[in-house]
Amino acid sequence: MAAKRLAGPAQVSNAAATKYTVPAGVRAIVRHIHVSNTSAGAVTFTMSVGADAAGTRLFDAYNIAAGATLDFYCYLVLAATEILQAFAGTNNILTLTINGDEELV
C-alpha cells in the first residue's frame, strides 16, 4: 500500500458532486484532505461520505477564510464503491485535493 493522490487538485462547485469513488475490489484510506481558498472572501465548504445529507457530512458549511487553507489529517476507511461528495458556498473558488492509500481486498 502506497500513499497517493486520490483526487484533485480540482475546483469545488456550488452543487454536491462526487469527488472520489473507491474502485471496485479496493479499500481506500483517506489520510489528508486539503482545501485552499485563494479568493478575497470567505467561502463555506461541505463534504460527505456517500450522498450528501446532514448525517453523512464530515464538514457542514465549514467557513474557510479568504486566503486560508484547511488541512484535515485523518484515517477514514472507505469500502469499494463508496464516494466522497463536496460542494462550496461559492462556485469554483475552493480547490480540493484528497490523498490516501488504496489496497486490493
N, C-alpha and C. Protein backbone atom coordinates (compact mmCIF):
# COMPACT_ATOMS: atom_id res chain seq x y z
N MET A 1 0.85 -1.16 0.00
CA MET A 1 0.00 0.00 0.00
C MET A 1 0.90 1.23 0.00
N ALA A 2 0.66 2.10 -0.96
CA ALA A 2 1.47 3.31 -1.07
C ALA A 2 0.56 4.53 -1.09
N ALA A 3 1.00 5.57 -0.43
CA ALA A 3 0.24 6.82 -0.42
C ALA A 3 0.20 7.40 -1.82
N LYS A 4 -0.94 7.99 -2.17
CA LYS A 4 -1.09 8.58 -3.49
C LYS A 4 -2.17 9.65 -3.44
N ARG A 5 -2.21 10.44 -4.47
CA ARG A 5 -3.29 11.43 -4.60
C ARG A 5 -4.51 10.70 -5.13
N LEU A 6 -5.60 10.76 -4.39
CA LEU A 6 -6.83 10.08 -4.79
C LEU A 6 -7.69 10.96 -5.67
N ALA A 7 -7.64 12.28 -5.46
CA ALA A 7 -8.45 13.21 -6.26
C ALA A 7 -7.84 14.60 -6.20
N GLY A 8 -8.03 15.34 -7.31
CA GLY A 8 -7.61 16.74 -7.35
C GLY A 8 -6.14 16.90 -7.66
N PRO A 9 -5.69 18.13 -7.59
CA PRO A 9 -6.44 19.31 -7.21
C PRO A 9 -7.50 19.67 -8.25
N ALA A 10 -8.68 20.00 -7.76
CA ALA A 10 -9.80 20.38 -8.62
C ALA A 10 -10.69 21.37 -7.89
N GLN A 11 -11.30 22.25 -8.66
CA GLN A 11 -12.19 23.22 -8.05
C GLN A 11 -13.48 22.55 -7.59
N VAL A 12 -14.09 23.15 -6.59
CA VAL A 12 -15.32 22.64 -5.99
C VAL A 12 -16.48 23.50 -6.46
N SER A 13 -17.52 22.86 -7.01
CA SER A 13 -18.69 23.59 -7.50
C SER A 13 -19.62 23.92 -6.34
N ASN A 14 -20.68 24.65 -6.64
CA ASN A 14 -21.65 25.02 -5.60
C ASN A 14 -22.84 24.06 -5.54
N ALA A 15 -22.67 22.87 -6.10
CA ALA A 15 -23.68 21.80 -6.01
C ALA A 15 -22.95 20.51 -5.63
N ALA A 16 -23.57 19.69 -4.81
CA ALA A 16 -22.95 18.45 -4.38
C ALA A 16 -22.53 17.62 -5.59
N ALA A 17 -21.25 17.22 -5.60
CA ALA A 17 -20.72 16.43 -6.71
C ALA A 17 -19.72 15.43 -6.16
N THR A 18 -19.66 14.27 -6.79
CA THR A 18 -18.73 13.23 -6.38
C THR A 18 -17.31 13.65 -6.75
N LYS A 19 -16.43 13.62 -5.77
CA LYS A 19 -15.02 13.99 -5.97
C LYS A 19 -14.12 12.77 -6.00
N TYR A 20 -14.56 11.66 -5.40
CA TYR A 20 -13.78 10.43 -5.40
C TYR A 20 -14.71 9.25 -5.21
N THR A 21 -14.47 8.21 -6.01
CA THR A 21 -15.18 6.94 -5.88
C THR A 21 -14.14 5.85 -5.69
N VAL A 22 -14.29 5.05 -4.65
CA VAL A 22 -13.37 3.95 -4.42
C VAL A 22 -13.61 2.90 -5.51
N PRO A 23 -12.55 2.49 -6.21
CA PRO A 23 -12.73 1.48 -7.26
C PRO A 23 -13.24 0.15 -6.70
N ALA A 24 -13.92 -0.62 -7.54
CA ALA A 24 -14.39 -1.96 -7.15
C ALA A 24 -13.18 -2.81 -6.78
N GLY A 25 -13.34 -3.64 -5.76
CA GLY A 25 -12.28 -4.54 -5.34
C GLY A 25 -11.16 -3.86 -4.55
N VAL A 26 -11.42 -2.63 -4.12
CA VAL A 26 -10.39 -1.85 -3.44
C VAL A 26 -10.96 -1.27 -2.15
N ARG A 27 -10.11 -1.13 -1.14
CA ARG A 27 -10.45 -0.37 0.07
C ARG A 27 -9.52 0.84 0.06
N ALA A 28 -10.09 2.01 0.37
CA ALA A 28 -9.29 3.23 0.40
C ALA A 28 -9.20 3.75 1.82
N ILE A 29 -8.07 4.36 2.13
CA ILE A 29 -7.88 5.04 3.40
C ILE A 29 -7.51 6.49 3.08
N VAL A 30 -8.43 7.40 3.37
CA VAL A 30 -8.17 8.82 3.17
C VAL A 30 -7.34 9.29 4.36
N ARG A 31 -6.21 9.92 4.07
CA ARG A 31 -5.31 10.36 5.13
C ARG A 31 -5.18 11.88 5.21
N HIS A 32 -5.50 12.58 4.13
CA HIS A 32 -5.33 14.03 4.14
C HIS A 32 -6.30 14.67 3.15
N ILE A 33 -7.04 15.64 3.64
CA ILE A 33 -7.93 16.44 2.80
C ILE A 33 -7.42 17.87 2.87
N HIS A 34 -7.11 18.45 1.72
CA HIS A 34 -6.58 19.81 1.64
C HIS A 34 -7.55 20.66 0.82
N VAL A 35 -7.97 21.78 1.38
CA VAL A 35 -8.86 22.71 0.68
C VAL A 35 -8.24 24.09 0.75
N SER A 36 -8.11 24.72 -0.40
CA SER A 36 -7.48 26.03 -0.49
C SER A 36 -8.46 27.07 -0.99
N ASN A 37 -8.49 28.22 -0.34
CA ASN A 37 -9.32 29.35 -0.76
C ASN A 37 -8.40 30.50 -1.13
N THR A 38 -8.23 30.73 -2.42
CA THR A 38 -7.34 31.80 -2.89
C THR A 38 -8.09 33.10 -3.17
N SER A 39 -9.37 33.15 -2.85
CA SER A 39 -10.17 34.34 -3.13
C SER A 39 -10.00 35.39 -2.03
N ALA A 40 -10.64 36.53 -2.25
CA ALA A 40 -10.59 37.63 -1.28
C ALA A 40 -11.73 37.57 -0.26
N GLY A 41 -12.54 36.52 -0.33
CA GLY A 41 -13.66 36.40 0.60
C GLY A 41 -13.77 35.00 1.18
N ALA A 42 -14.41 34.89 2.32
CA ALA A 42 -14.64 33.59 2.96
C ALA A 42 -15.61 32.76 2.12
N VAL A 43 -15.40 31.44 2.12
CA VAL A 43 -16.27 30.52 1.38
C VAL A 43 -16.54 29.32 2.28
N THR A 44 -17.77 28.83 2.28
CA THR A 44 -18.10 27.64 3.07
C THR A 44 -17.81 26.37 2.26
N PHE A 45 -17.49 25.31 3.00
CA PHE A 45 -17.14 24.03 2.39
C PHE A 45 -17.92 22.92 3.08
N THR A 46 -18.54 22.04 2.28
CA THR A 46 -19.29 20.91 2.81
C THR A 46 -18.78 19.65 2.12
N MET A 47 -18.55 18.59 2.91
CA MET A 47 -18.08 17.32 2.36
C MET A 47 -18.75 16.18 3.10
N SER A 48 -19.12 15.14 2.35
CA SER A 48 -19.80 14.00 2.95
C SER A 48 -19.26 12.68 2.43
N VAL A 49 -19.46 11.64 3.22
CA VAL A 49 -19.17 10.27 2.80
C VAL A 49 -20.50 9.72 2.30
N GLY A 50 -20.57 9.39 1.04
CA GLY A 50 -21.83 8.98 0.43
C GLY A 50 -22.59 10.19 -0.07
N ALA A 51 -23.83 9.95 -0.48
CA ALA A 51 -24.67 11.04 -0.98
C ALA A 51 -24.81 12.10 0.11
N ASP A 52 -24.79 13.36 -0.30
CA ASP A 52 -24.83 14.44 0.68
C ASP A 52 -26.13 14.42 1.47
N ALA A 53 -25.99 14.45 2.79
CA ALA A 53 -27.11 14.55 3.73
C ALA A 53 -26.52 14.99 5.06
N ALA A 54 -27.33 15.58 5.90
CA ALA A 54 -26.84 16.08 7.19
C ALA A 54 -26.11 15.00 7.99
N GLY A 55 -26.58 13.77 7.92
CA GLY A 55 -26.00 12.68 8.70
C GLY A 55 -24.74 12.07 8.13
N THR A 56 -24.33 12.47 6.92
CA THR A 56 -23.14 11.88 6.30
C THR A 56 -21.99 12.88 6.17
N ARG A 57 -22.16 14.07 6.68
CA ARG A 57 -21.18 15.14 6.46
C ARG A 57 -19.98 15.07 7.40
N LEU A 58 -18.80 15.22 6.80
CA LEU A 58 -17.56 15.42 7.55
C LEU A 58 -17.39 16.90 7.89
N PHE A 59 -17.77 17.75 6.95
CA PHE A 59 -17.76 19.21 7.12
C PHE A 59 -19.11 19.71 6.68
N ASP A 60 -19.70 20.59 7.47
CA ASP A 60 -21.03 21.11 7.16
C ASP A 60 -20.98 22.63 7.14
N ALA A 61 -20.88 23.20 5.95
CA ALA A 61 -20.78 24.65 5.76
C ALA A 61 -19.63 25.22 6.59
N TYR A 62 -18.50 24.52 6.57
CA TYR A 62 -17.30 24.95 7.30
C TYR A 62 -16.72 26.18 6.63
N ASN A 63 -16.54 27.24 7.37
CA ASN A 63 -16.06 28.51 6.82
C ASN A 63 -14.55 28.48 6.62
N ILE A 64 -14.10 28.74 5.39
CA ILE A 64 -12.68 28.86 5.09
C ILE A 64 -12.43 30.31 4.72
N ALA A 65 -11.63 30.97 5.53
CA ALA A 65 -11.37 32.40 5.37
C ALA A 65 -10.64 32.71 4.07
N ALA A 66 -10.72 33.97 3.66
CA ALA A 66 -10.02 34.43 2.46
C ALA A 66 -8.53 34.11 2.58
N GLY A 67 -7.97 33.52 1.54
CA GLY A 67 -6.54 33.22 1.50
C GLY A 67 -6.10 32.10 2.43
N ALA A 68 -7.03 31.39 3.03
CA ALA A 68 -6.69 30.35 4.01
C ALA A 68 -6.79 28.96 3.40
N THR A 69 -6.26 27.99 4.13
CA THR A 69 -6.37 26.59 3.74
C THR A 69 -6.92 25.77 4.90
N LEU A 70 -7.54 24.66 4.56
CA LEU A 70 -7.99 23.67 5.53
C LEU A 70 -7.16 22.42 5.27
N ASP A 71 -6.42 21.96 6.26
CA ASP A 71 -5.68 20.71 6.18
C ASP A 71 -6.23 19.79 7.24
N PHE A 72 -6.91 18.73 6.80
CA PHE A 72 -7.54 17.77 7.69
C PHE A 72 -6.82 16.45 7.54
N TYR A 73 -6.05 16.07 8.57
CA TYR A 73 -5.35 14.79 8.58
C TYR A 73 -6.23 13.79 9.29
N CYS A 74 -6.45 12.65 8.64
CA CYS A 74 -7.44 11.71 9.16
C CYS A 74 -7.05 10.28 8.81
N TYR A 75 -7.88 9.36 9.25
CA TYR A 75 -7.76 7.95 8.90
C TYR A 75 -9.18 7.48 8.62
N LEU A 76 -9.64 7.76 7.42
CA LEU A 76 -11.02 7.50 7.02
C LEU A 76 -11.04 6.31 6.06
N VAL A 77 -11.55 5.17 6.53
CA VAL A 77 -11.57 3.95 5.73
C VAL A 77 -12.86 3.92 4.91
N LEU A 78 -12.71 3.72 3.60
CA LEU A 78 -13.84 3.65 2.68
C LEU A 78 -13.85 2.31 1.97
N ALA A 79 -15.00 1.69 1.88
CA ALA A 79 -15.15 0.41 1.19
C ALA A 79 -15.28 0.63 -0.31
N ALA A 80 -15.12 -0.45 -1.07
CA ALA A 80 -15.27 -0.39 -2.52
C ALA A 80 -16.58 0.27 -2.90
N THR A 81 -16.54 1.13 -3.87
CA THR A 81 -17.64 1.90 -4.48
C THR A 81 -18.20 3.02 -3.60
N GLU A 82 -17.68 3.21 -2.37
CA GLU A 82 -18.11 4.37 -1.59
C GLU A 82 -17.60 5.65 -2.24
N ILE A 83 -18.29 6.75 -1.98
CA ILE A 83 -17.94 8.03 -2.61
C ILE A 83 -17.73 9.12 -1.56
N LEU A 84 -16.97 10.11 -1.98
CA LEU A 84 -16.86 11.37 -1.23
C LEU A 84 -17.48 12.44 -2.11
N GLN A 85 -18.39 13.21 -1.54
CA GLN A 85 -19.00 14.32 -2.26
C GLN A 85 -18.64 15.62 -1.57
N ALA A 86 -18.58 16.71 -2.35
CA ALA A 86 -18.25 18.01 -1.78
C ALA A 86 -18.94 19.11 -2.57
N PHE A 87 -19.15 20.24 -1.88
CA PHE A 87 -19.61 21.45 -2.56
C PHE A 87 -19.22 22.66 -1.72
N ALA A 88 -19.26 23.82 -2.36
CA ALA A 88 -18.85 25.07 -1.72
C ALA A 88 -19.98 26.08 -1.79
N GLY A 89 -19.90 27.08 -0.93
CA GLY A 89 -20.90 28.15 -0.93
C GLY A 89 -20.80 29.05 -2.14
N THR A 90 -19.63 29.09 -2.77
CA THR A 90 -19.41 29.88 -3.97
C THR A 90 -18.79 28.97 -5.02
N ASN A 91 -19.29 29.05 -6.24
CA ASN A 91 -18.87 28.16 -7.31
C ASN A 91 -17.42 28.39 -7.74
N ASN A 92 -16.67 27.30 -7.88
CA ASN A 92 -15.33 27.28 -8.47
C ASN A 92 -14.34 28.26 -7.85
N ILE A 93 -14.35 28.34 -6.52
CA ILE A 93 -13.37 29.16 -5.80
C ILE A 93 -12.41 28.26 -5.03
N LEU A 94 -12.94 27.31 -4.27
CA LEU A 94 -12.12 26.41 -3.47
C LEU A 94 -11.47 25.34 -4.35
N THR A 95 -10.26 24.94 -3.97
CA THR A 95 -9.56 23.85 -4.64
C THR A 95 -9.36 22.72 -3.64
N LEU A 96 -9.78 21.51 -4.03
CA LEU A 96 -9.77 20.34 -3.16
C LEU A 96 -8.77 19.30 -3.67
N THR A 97 -7.98 18.76 -2.73
CA THR A 97 -7.07 17.65 -3.02
C THR A 97 -7.26 16.61 -1.92
N ILE A 98 -7.38 15.34 -2.32
CA ILE A 98 -7.57 14.25 -1.37
C ILE A 98 -6.43 13.25 -1.57
N ASN A 99 -5.72 12.92 -0.47
CA ASN A 99 -4.61 11.99 -0.50
C ASN A 99 -4.89 10.80 0.40
N GLY A 100 -4.35 9.65 0.04
CA GLY A 100 -4.53 8.47 0.86
C GLY A 100 -3.94 7.25 0.23
N ASP A 101 -4.46 6.10 0.60
CA ASP A 101 -3.97 4.81 0.12
C ASP A 101 -5.12 4.02 -0.48
N GLU A 102 -4.78 3.15 -1.42
CA GLU A 102 -5.74 2.18 -1.95
C GLU A 102 -5.10 0.80 -1.85
N GLU A 103 -5.89 -0.19 -1.43
CA GLU A 103 -5.37 -1.55 -1.35
C GLU A 103 -6.41 -2.52 -1.88
N LEU A 104 -5.96 -3.57 -2.54
CA LEU A 104 -6.86 -4.60 -3.05
C LEU A 104 -7.44 -5.38 -1.89
N VAL A 105 -8.73 -5.74 -2.02
CA VAL A 105 -9.38 -6.54 -0.97
C VAL A 105 -9.80 -7.88 -1.53
